[in-house]
Amino acid sequence: MQSNISQYIVEKWMKGWSLSRELSPPVKNGSGFRIDVGWPQQKVRYVFPNFTNEFTNLANTIVEPWVFLKVCAHPDIIKNILPSRWVIQPPGFMMTCFKPMLPKRINLTGEYILEVKDDIPVTVVKVLTNSGDIAAIGRIVFVDDFVIYDRIATDSLHRRKGLATIIVNTLENIAISRGKTKGVLVATAAGKTLYETLGWTLYSPYTSVVIPGTNNF
């Protein structure tokens, strides 16, 4: 199990995550960070690079729903210390790729169009259908010398066609054009498999817990 995760890398990723969502930047909170998200089902998130007593203290103290605690650690490390009101979320995986990705060329078929909006601070790449629907989408944010890949998703009707790979490759080409090659992201279990085929490596398990609200969790 990964230990001694770099606070520096986690902070860069969190800054990119915040910029991607037009939120205020993270603020230091002991050995971790806090972001005031303000969404109905995510009010605040606390992120810790490593499991510490501060994580445990927050878990024991917080009773408000929709506050997330997140830590770069395997869920087995925290599951037995959590009060019963907390629910462990599906696993996440913090991944890094500090060199050019492995070549994996996939061409768009005629039913799709690639759209690129190379803006600052967020660059967005979309694969659109000919009718203008979003088939796949992804973003990068530049934080100093890091490239934060974020919100990469493929619509369920358009999966297994390599569209996510096209999104990631296009984003990488934009990053390389700016001299940036140090990529960081947090993936789902399905995303982890994709990124590993492109040369990304697991940096740390990433575990999230939340106190769910009373409705529709």
C-alpha atoms as a PDB file:
ATOM      1  CA  MET A   1       0.000   0.000   0.000  1.00  0.00           C
ATOM      2  CA  GLN A   2       1.221   3.456  -0.937  1.00  0.00           C
ATOM      3  CA  SER A   3       2.442   5.701   1.858  1.00  0.00           C
ATOM      4  CA  ASN A   4       4.123   9.077   2.170  1.00  0.00           C
ATOM      5  CA  ILE A   5       2.171  10.606  -0.686  1.00  0.00           C
ATOM      6  CA  SER A   6       3.514  13.977  -1.789  1.00  0.00           C
ATOM      7  CA  GLN A   7       1.481  16.857  -0.406  1.00  0.00           C
ATOM      8  CA  TYR A   8       2.906  18.913  -3.273  1.00  0.00           C
ATOM      9  CA  ILE A   9       1.395  16.670  -5.975  1.00  0.00           C
ATOM     10  CA  VAL A  10      -1.961  16.411  -4.205  1.00  0.00           C
ATOM     11  CA  GLU A  11      -2.179  20.177  -3.840  1.00  0.00           C
ATOM     12  CA  LYS A  12      -1.444  20.683  -7.554  1.00  0.00           C
ATOM     13  CA  TRP A  13      -4.156  18.180  -8.454  1.00  0.00           C
ATOM     14  CA  MET A  14      -6.649  19.872  -6.128  1.00  0.00           C
ATOM     15  CA  LYS A  15      -5.926  23.294  -7.600  1.00  0.00           C
ATOM     16  CA  GLY A  16      -6.604  21.897 -11.059  1.00  0.00           C
ATOM     17  CA  TRP A  17      -9.776  20.175  -9.874  1.00  0.00           C
ATOM     18  CA  SER A  18     -11.037  23.471  -8.447  1.00  0.00           C
ATOM     19  CA  LEU A  19     -10.195  25.463 -11.571  1.00  0.00           C
ATOM     20  CA  SER A  20     -11.942  22.874 -13.749  1.00  0.00           C
ATOM     21  CA  ARG A  21     -15.122  23.484 -11.778  1.00  0.00           C
ATOM     22  CA  GLU A  22     -14.743  27.250 -11.327  1.00  0.00           C
ATOM     23  CA  LEU A  23     -14.437  26.931  -7.546  1.00  0.00           C
ATOM     24  CA  SER A  24     -12.250  28.744  -5.045  1.00  0.00           C
ATOM     25  CA  PRO A  25      -8.795  27.153  -4.653  1.00  0.00           C
ATOM     26  CA  PRO A  26      -8.062  24.686  -1.845  1.00  0.00           C
ATOM     27  CA  VAL A  27      -6.918  26.052   1.497  1.00  0.00           C
ATOM     28  CA  LYS A  28      -4.526  24.331   3.866  1.00  0.00           C
ATOM     29  CA  ASN A  29      -6.252  22.426   6.639  1.00  0.00           C
ATOM     30  CA  GLY A  30      -3.658  20.863   8.912  1.00  0.00           C
ATOM     31  CA  SER A  31      -1.866  18.166   6.936  1.00  0.00           C
ATOM     32  CA  GLY A  32      -4.618  18.228   4.309  1.00  0.00           C
ATOM     33  CA  PHE A  33      -6.686  20.664   2.287  1.00  0.00           C
ATOM     34  CA  ARG A  34     -10.249  21.953   2.240  1.00  0.00           C
ATOM     35  CA  ILE A  35     -12.387  23.086  -0.690  1.00  0.00           C
ATOM     36  CA  ASP A  36     -15.721  24.801  -0.127  1.00  0.00           C
ATOM     37  CA  VAL A  37     -17.638  23.231  -2.997  1.00  0.00           C
ATOM     38  CA  GLY A  38     -21.149  24.488  -2.273  1.00  0.00           C
ATOM     39  CA  TRP A  39     -23.080  21.919  -4.299  1.00  0.00           C
ATOM     40  CA  PRO A  40     -26.311  20.404  -2.939  1.00  0.00           C
ATOM     41  CA  GLN A  41     -24.725  16.962  -2.598  1.00  0.00           C
ATOM     42  CA  GLN A  42     -21.169  18.091  -1.910  1.00  0.00           C
ATOM     43  CA  LYS A  43     -20.871  21.037   0.431  1.00  0.00           C
ATOM     44  CA  VAL A  44     -17.225  20.687   1.418  1.00  0.00           C
ATOM     45  CA  ARG A  45     -14.409  18.287   0.663  1.00  0.00           C
ATOM     46  CA  TYR A  46     -11.379  17.621   2.820  1.00  0.00           C
ATOM     47  CA  VAL A  47      -8.473  15.883   1.109  1.00  0.00           C
ATOM     48  CA  PHE A  48      -5.517  14.326   2.912  1.00  0.00           C
ATOM     49  CA  PRO A  49      -2.367  13.131   1.123  1.00  0.00           C
ATOM     50  CA  ASN A  50      -1.849  10.561   3.903  1.00  0.00           C
ATOM     51  CA  PHE A  51      -3.990   8.996   6.587  1.00  0.00           C
ATOM     52  CA  THR A  52      -3.494  10.893   9.856  1.00  0.00           C
ATOM     53  CA  ASN A  53      -5.224  11.474  13.176  1.00  0.00           C
ATOM     54  CA  GLU A  54      -6.667  14.656  11.642  1.00  0.00           C
ATOM     55  CA  PHE A  55      -8.728  12.521   9.256  1.00  0.00           C
ATOM     56  CA  THR A  56      -9.977  10.431  12.182  1.00  0.00           C
ATOM     57  CA  ASN A  57     -10.805  13.525  14.237  1.00  0.00           C
ATOM     58  CA  LEU A  58     -12.892  14.994  11.406  1.00  0.00           C
ATOM     59  CA  ALA A  59     -14.691  11.688  10.893  1.00  0.00           C
ATOM     60  CA  ASN A  60     -15.579  11.617  14.592  1.00  0.00           C
ATOM     61  CA  THR A  61     -16.613  15.278  14.718  1.00  0.00           C
ATOM     62  CA  ILE A  62     -18.550  15.953  11.509  1.00  0.00           C
ATOM     63  CA  VAL A  63     -22.245  15.057  11.526  1.00  0.00           C
ATOM     64  CA  GLU A  64     -23.454  17.262   8.649  1.00  0.00           C
ATOM     65  CA  PRO A  65     -24.470  15.432   5.446  1.00  0.00           C
ATOM     66  CA  TRP A  66     -22.720  15.952   2.122  1.00  0.00           C
ATOM     67  CA  VAL A  67     -19.305  16.726   3.577  1.00  0.00           C
ATOM     68  CA  PHE A  68     -16.706  14.501   1.925  1.00  0.00           C
ATOM     69  CA  LEU A  69     -13.503  13.211   3.477  1.00  0.00           C
ATOM     70  CA  LYS A  70     -10.943  11.972   0.997  1.00  0.00           C
ATOM     71  CA  VAL A  71      -7.543  10.395   1.554  1.00  0.00           C
ATOM     72  CA  CYS A  72      -4.793   8.873  -0.548  1.00  0.00           C
ATOM     73  CA  ALA A  73      -5.082   5.467   1.090  1.00  0.00           C
ATOM     74  CA  HIS A  74      -6.737   2.104   0.592  1.00  0.00           C
ATOM     75  CA  PRO A  75     -10.260   1.855   2.069  1.00  0.00           C
ATOM     76  CA  ASP A  76      -9.132  -0.989   4.333  1.00  0.00           C
ATOM     77  CA  ILE A  77      -7.042   1.518   6.275  1.00  0.00           C
ATOM     78  CA  ILE A  78     -10.024   3.616   7.302  1.00  0.00           C
ATOM     79  CA  LYS A  79     -13.084   1.358   7.204  1.00  0.00           C
ATOM     80  CA  ASN A  80     -12.786   0.174  10.792  1.00  0.00           C
ATOM     81  CA  ILE A  81     -12.289   3.625  12.323  1.00  0.00           C
ATOM     82  CA  LEU A  82     -15.282   5.337  10.728  1.00  0.00           C
ATOM     83  CA  PRO A  83     -18.462   6.027  12.695  1.00  0.00           C
ATOM     84  CA  SER A  84     -21.395   4.199  11.117  1.00  0.00           C
ATOM     85  CA  ARG A  85     -22.879   7.395   9.634  1.00  0.00           C
ATOM     86  CA  TRP A  86     -20.094   7.504   7.014  1.00  0.00           C
ATOM     87  CA  VAL A  87     -20.441   5.640   3.708  1.00  0.00           C
ATOM     88  CA  ILE A  88     -17.388   4.604   1.693  1.00  0.00           C
ATOM     89  CA  GLN A  89     -17.715   5.558  -1.989  1.00  0.00           C
ATOM     90  CA  PRO A  90     -16.619   3.537  -5.050  1.00  0.00           C
ATOM     91  CA  PRO A  91     -12.819   3.348  -5.219  1.00  0.00           C
ATOM     92  CA  GLY A  92     -10.725   6.012  -6.884  1.00  0.00           C
ATOM     93  CA  PHE A  93      -7.152   5.872  -8.105  1.00  0.00           C
ATOM     94  CA  MET A  94      -4.708   8.778  -8.241  1.00  0.00           C
ATOM     95  CA  MET A  95      -2.507   8.231 -11.275  1.00  0.00           C
ATOM     96  CA  THR A  96       0.496   9.950 -12.796  1.00  0.00           C
ATOM     97  CA  CYS A  97       2.218   9.998 -16.169  1.00  0.00           C
ATOM     98  CA  PHE A  98       5.386  12.087 -16.268  1.00  0.00           C
ATOM     99  CA  LYS A  99       6.433  11.173 -19.807  1.00  0.00           C
ATOM    100  CA  PRO A 100       4.680  11.006 -23.181  1.00  0.00           C
ATOM    101  CA  MET A 101       1.877   8.457 -23.229  1.00  0.00           C
ATOM    102  CA  LEU A 102       2.177   5.188 -25.107  1.00  0.00           C
ATOM    103  CA  PRO A 103       1.136   5.579 -28.742  1.00  0.00           C
ATOM    104  CA  LYS A 104      -2.356   4.295 -29.422  1.00  0.00           C
ATOM    105  CA  ARG A 105      -3.752   5.767 -32.591  1.00  0.00           C
ATOM    106  CA  ILE A 106      -7.510   5.699 -33.069  1.00  0.00           C
ATOM    107  CA  ASN A 107      -9.220   7.698 -35.776  1.00  0.00           C
ATOM    108  CA  LEU A 108     -12.676   9.202 -35.571  1.00  0.00           C
ATOM    109  CA  THR A 109     -15.255   7.696 -37.870  1.00  0.00           C
ATOM    110  CA  GLY A 110     -17.442   9.904 -40.018  1.00  0.00           C
ATOM    111  CA  GLU A 111     -20.247   9.937 -37.459  1.00  0.00           C
ATOM    112  CA  TYR A 112     -18.170  12.082 -35.094  1.00  0.00           C
ATOM    113  CA  ILE A 113     -16.577  15.542 -35.013  1.00  0.00           C
ATOM    114  CA  LEU A 114     -13.700  16.641 -32.764  1.00  0.00           C
ATOM    115  CA  GLU A 115     -14.121  20.023 -31.077  1.00  0.00           C
ATOM    116  CA  VAL A 116     -11.238  21.717 -29.245  1.00  0.00           C
ATOM    117  CA  LYS A 117     -11.467  24.831 -27.080  1.00  0.00           C
ATOM    118  CA  ASP A 118      -7.897  25.584 -26.054  1.00  0.00           C
ATOM    119  CA  ASP A 119      -8.576  28.186 -23.387  1.00  0.00           C
ATOM    120  CA  ILE A 120      -6.971  29.309 -20.132  1.00  0.00           C
ATOM    121  CA  PRO A 121      -7.280  28.044 -17.456  1.00  0.00           C
ATOM    122  CA  VAL A 122      -9.368  25.127 -18.773  1.00  0.00           C
ATOM    123  CA  THR A 123      -8.933  23.433 -22.140  1.00  0.00           C
ATOM    124  CA  VAL A 124     -11.936  21.352 -23.220  1.00  0.00           C
ATOM    125  CA  VAL A 125     -11.995  18.665 -25.907  1.00  0.00           C
ATOM    126  CA  LYS A 126     -15.258  17.124 -27.088  1.00  0.00           C
ATOM    127  CA  VAL A 127     -16.240  14.397 -29.500  1.00  0.00           C
ATOM    128  CA  LEU A 128     -19.603  15.396 -30.937  1.00  0.00           C
ATOM    129  CA  THR A 129     -22.068  13.439 -33.009  1.00  0.00           C
ATOM    130  CA  ASN A 130     -23.086  14.922 -36.334  1.00  0.00           C
ATOM    131  CA  SER A 131     -26.268  16.100 -34.643  1.00  0.00           C
ATOM    132  CA  GLY A 132     -24.234  17.999 -32.029  1.00  0.00           C
ATOM    133  CA  ASP A 133     -24.661  15.694 -29.036  1.00  0.00           C
ATOM    134  CA  ILE A 134     -21.663  15.147 -26.747  1.00  0.00           C
ATOM    135  CA  ALA A 135     -20.337  11.620 -27.173  1.00  0.00           C
ATOM    136  CA  ALA A 136     -17.186  12.143 -25.089  1.00  0.00           C
ATOM    137  CA  ILE A 137     -15.541  15.011 -23.270  1.00  0.00           C
ATOM    138  CA  GLY A 138     -12.449  15.833 -21.226  1.00  0.00           C
ATOM    139  CA  ARG A 139     -10.504  18.740 -19.788  1.00  0.00           C
ATOM    140  CA  ILE A 140      -7.003  19.720 -18.770  1.00  0.00           C
ATOM    141  CA  VAL A 141      -5.885  22.468 -16.438  1.00  0.00           C
ATOM    142  CA  PHE A 142      -2.300  23.683 -16.187  1.00  0.00           C
ATOM    143  CA  VAL A 143      -1.048  24.206 -12.637  1.00  0.00           C
ATOM    144  CA  ASP A 144       2.588  25.328 -12.725  1.00  0.00           C
ATOM    145  CA  ASP A 145       4.479  22.454 -14.376  1.00  0.00           C
ATOM    146  CA  PHE A 146       1.634  19.948 -13.955  1.00  0.00           C
ATOM    147  CA  VAL A 147      -1.190  18.979 -16.305  1.00  0.00           C
ATOM    148  CA  ILE A 148      -4.356  18.025 -14.446  1.00  0.00           C
ATOM    149  CA  TYR A 149      -6.632  15.774 -16.531  1.00  0.00           C
ATOM    150  CA  ASP A 150     -10.224  16.008 -15.362  1.00  0.00           C
ATOM    151  CA  ARG A 151     -13.853  15.126 -16.058  1.00  0.00           C
ATOM    152  CA  ILE A 152     -13.067  12.689 -18.854  1.00  0.00           C
ATOM    153  CA  ALA A 153     -16.226  10.796 -19.719  1.00  0.00           C
ATOM    154  CA  THR A 154     -17.915   8.954 -22.564  1.00  0.00           C
ATOM    155  CA  ASP A 155     -21.680   8.817 -22.990  1.00  0.00           C
ATOM    156  CA  SER A 156     -23.028   5.311 -22.453  1.00  0.00           C
ATOM    157  CA  LEU A 157     -24.319   5.136 -26.045  1.00  0.00           C
ATOM    158  CA  HIS A 158     -20.845   5.732 -27.475  1.00  0.00           C
ATOM    159  CA  ARG A 159     -18.533   3.556 -25.394  1.00  0.00           C
ATOM    160  CA  ARG A 160     -16.086   0.925 -26.642  1.00  0.00           C
ATOM    161  CA  LYS A 161     -15.207   3.000 -29.694  1.00  0.00           C
ATOM    162  CA  GLY A 162     -11.952   4.497 -28.422  1.00  0.00           C
ATOM    163  CA  LEU A 163     -13.427   7.966 -27.925  1.00  0.00           C
ATOM    164  CA  ALA A 164     -11.906   8.424 -24.457  1.00  0.00           C
ATOM    165  CA  THR A 165      -8.483   7.574 -25.888  1.00  0.00           C
ATOM    166  CA  ILE A 166      -8.967  10.186 -28.609  1.00  0.00           C
ATOM    167  CA  ILE A 167      -9.920  12.747 -25.957  1.00  0.00           C
ATOM    168  CA  VAL A 168      -6.875  11.978 -23.803  1.00  0.00           C
ATOM    169  CA  ASN A 169      -4.468  11.907 -26.753  1.00  0.00           C
ATOM    170  CA  THR A 170      -5.769  15.255 -28.020  1.00  0.00           C
ATOM    171  CA  LEU A 171      -5.433  16.803 -24.568  1.00  0.00           C
ATOM    172  CA  GLU A 172      -1.897  15.446 -24.275  1.00  0.00           C
ATOM    173  CA  ASN A 173      -0.904  16.959 -27.626  1.00  0.00           C
ATOM    174  CA  ILE A 174      -2.088  20.351 -26.400  1.00  0.00           C
ATOM    175  CA  ALA A 175      -0.119  19.935 -23.171  1.00  0.00           C
ATOM    176  CA  ILE A 176       3.041  18.905 -25.048  1.00  0.00           C
ATOM    177  CA  SER A 177       2.697  21.933 -27.325  1.00  0.00           C
ATOM    178  CA  ARG A 178       3.078  24.015 -24.159  1.00  0.00           C
ATOM    179  CA  GLY A 179       6.017  22.010 -22.885  1.00  0.00           C
ATOM    180  CA  LYS A 180       4.005  20.219 -20.179  1.00  0.00           C
ATOM    181  CA  THR A 181       4.306  16.459 -19.669  1.00  0.00           C
ATOM    182  CA  LYS A 182       3.667  15.843 -15.942  1.00  0.00           C
ATOM    183  CA  GLY A 183       0.118  14.494 -15.868  1.00  0.00           C
ATOM    184  CA  VAL A 184      -1.994  13.807 -12.786  1.00  0.00           C
ATOM    185  CA  LEU A 185      -5.585  12.557 -12.534  1.00  0.00           C
ATOM    186  CA  VAL A 186      -7.961  10.586 -10.340  1.00  0.00           C
ATOM    187  CA  ALA A 187      -9.649   7.697 -12.127  1.00  0.00           C
ATOM    188  CA  THR A 188     -12.537   5.349 -11.525  1.00  0.00           C
ATOM    189  CA  ALA A 189     -11.880   1.611 -11.651  1.00  0.00           C
ATOM    190  CA  ALA A 190     -12.899   1.527 -15.318  1.00  0.00           C
ATOM    191  CA  GLY A 191     -10.826   4.605 -16.121  1.00  0.00           C
ATOM    192  CA  LYS A 192      -7.766   3.133 -14.407  1.00  0.00           C
ATOM    193  CA  THR A 193      -7.727   0.273 -16.893  1.00  0.00           C
ATOM    194  CA  LEU A 194      -7.810   2.677 -19.829  1.00  0.00           C
ATOM    195  CA  TYR A 195      -5.075   4.938 -18.493  1.00  0.00           C
ATOM    196  CA  GLU A 196      -2.776   2.015 -17.759  1.00  0.00           C
ATOM    197  CA  THR A 197      -2.927   1.041 -21.448  1.00  0.00           C
ATOM    198  CA  LEU A 198      -1.743   4.572 -22.236  1.00  0.00           C
ATOM    199  CA  GLY A 199       1.247   4.409 -19.892  1.00  0.00           C
ATOM    200  CA  TRP A 200      -0.165   5.915 -16.695  1.00  0.00           C
ATOM    201  CA  THR A 201       0.832   4.365 -13.369  1.00  0.00           C
ATOM    202  CA  LEU A 202      -0.982   4.123 -10.063  1.00  0.00           C
ATOM    203  CA  TYR A 203       0.290   6.711  -7.595  1.00  0.00           C
ATOM    204  CA  SER A 204      -2.101   5.923  -4.753  1.00  0.00           C
ATOM    205  CA  PRO A 205      -5.521   4.507  -3.956  1.00  0.00           C
ATOM    206  CA  TYR A 206      -7.930   7.379  -3.368  1.00  0.00           C
ATOM    207  CA  THR A 207     -10.736   6.751  -0.903  1.00  0.00           C
ATOM    208  CA  SER A 208     -13.775   8.967  -0.360  1.00  0.00           C
ATOM    209  CA  VAL A 209     -16.384   8.834   2.396  1.00  0.00           C
ATOM    210  CA  VAL A 210     -19.512  10.900   2.972  1.00  0.00           C
ATOM    211  CA  ILE A 211     -22.447  11.197   5.309  1.00  0.00           C
ATOM    212  CA  PRO A 212     -25.358  10.821   2.885  1.00  0.00           C
ATOM    213  CA  GLY A 213     -28.405  13.040   3.060  1.00  0.00           C
ATOM    214  CA  THR A 214     -31.855  11.649   3.631  1.00  0.00           C
ATOM    215  CA  ASN A 215     -32.908  11.792  -0.025  1.00  0.00           C
ATOM    216  CA  ASN A 216     -31.782   9.942  -3.126  1.00  0.00           C
ATOM    217  CA  PHE A 217     -28.233   8.984  -2.252  1.00  0.00           C
END
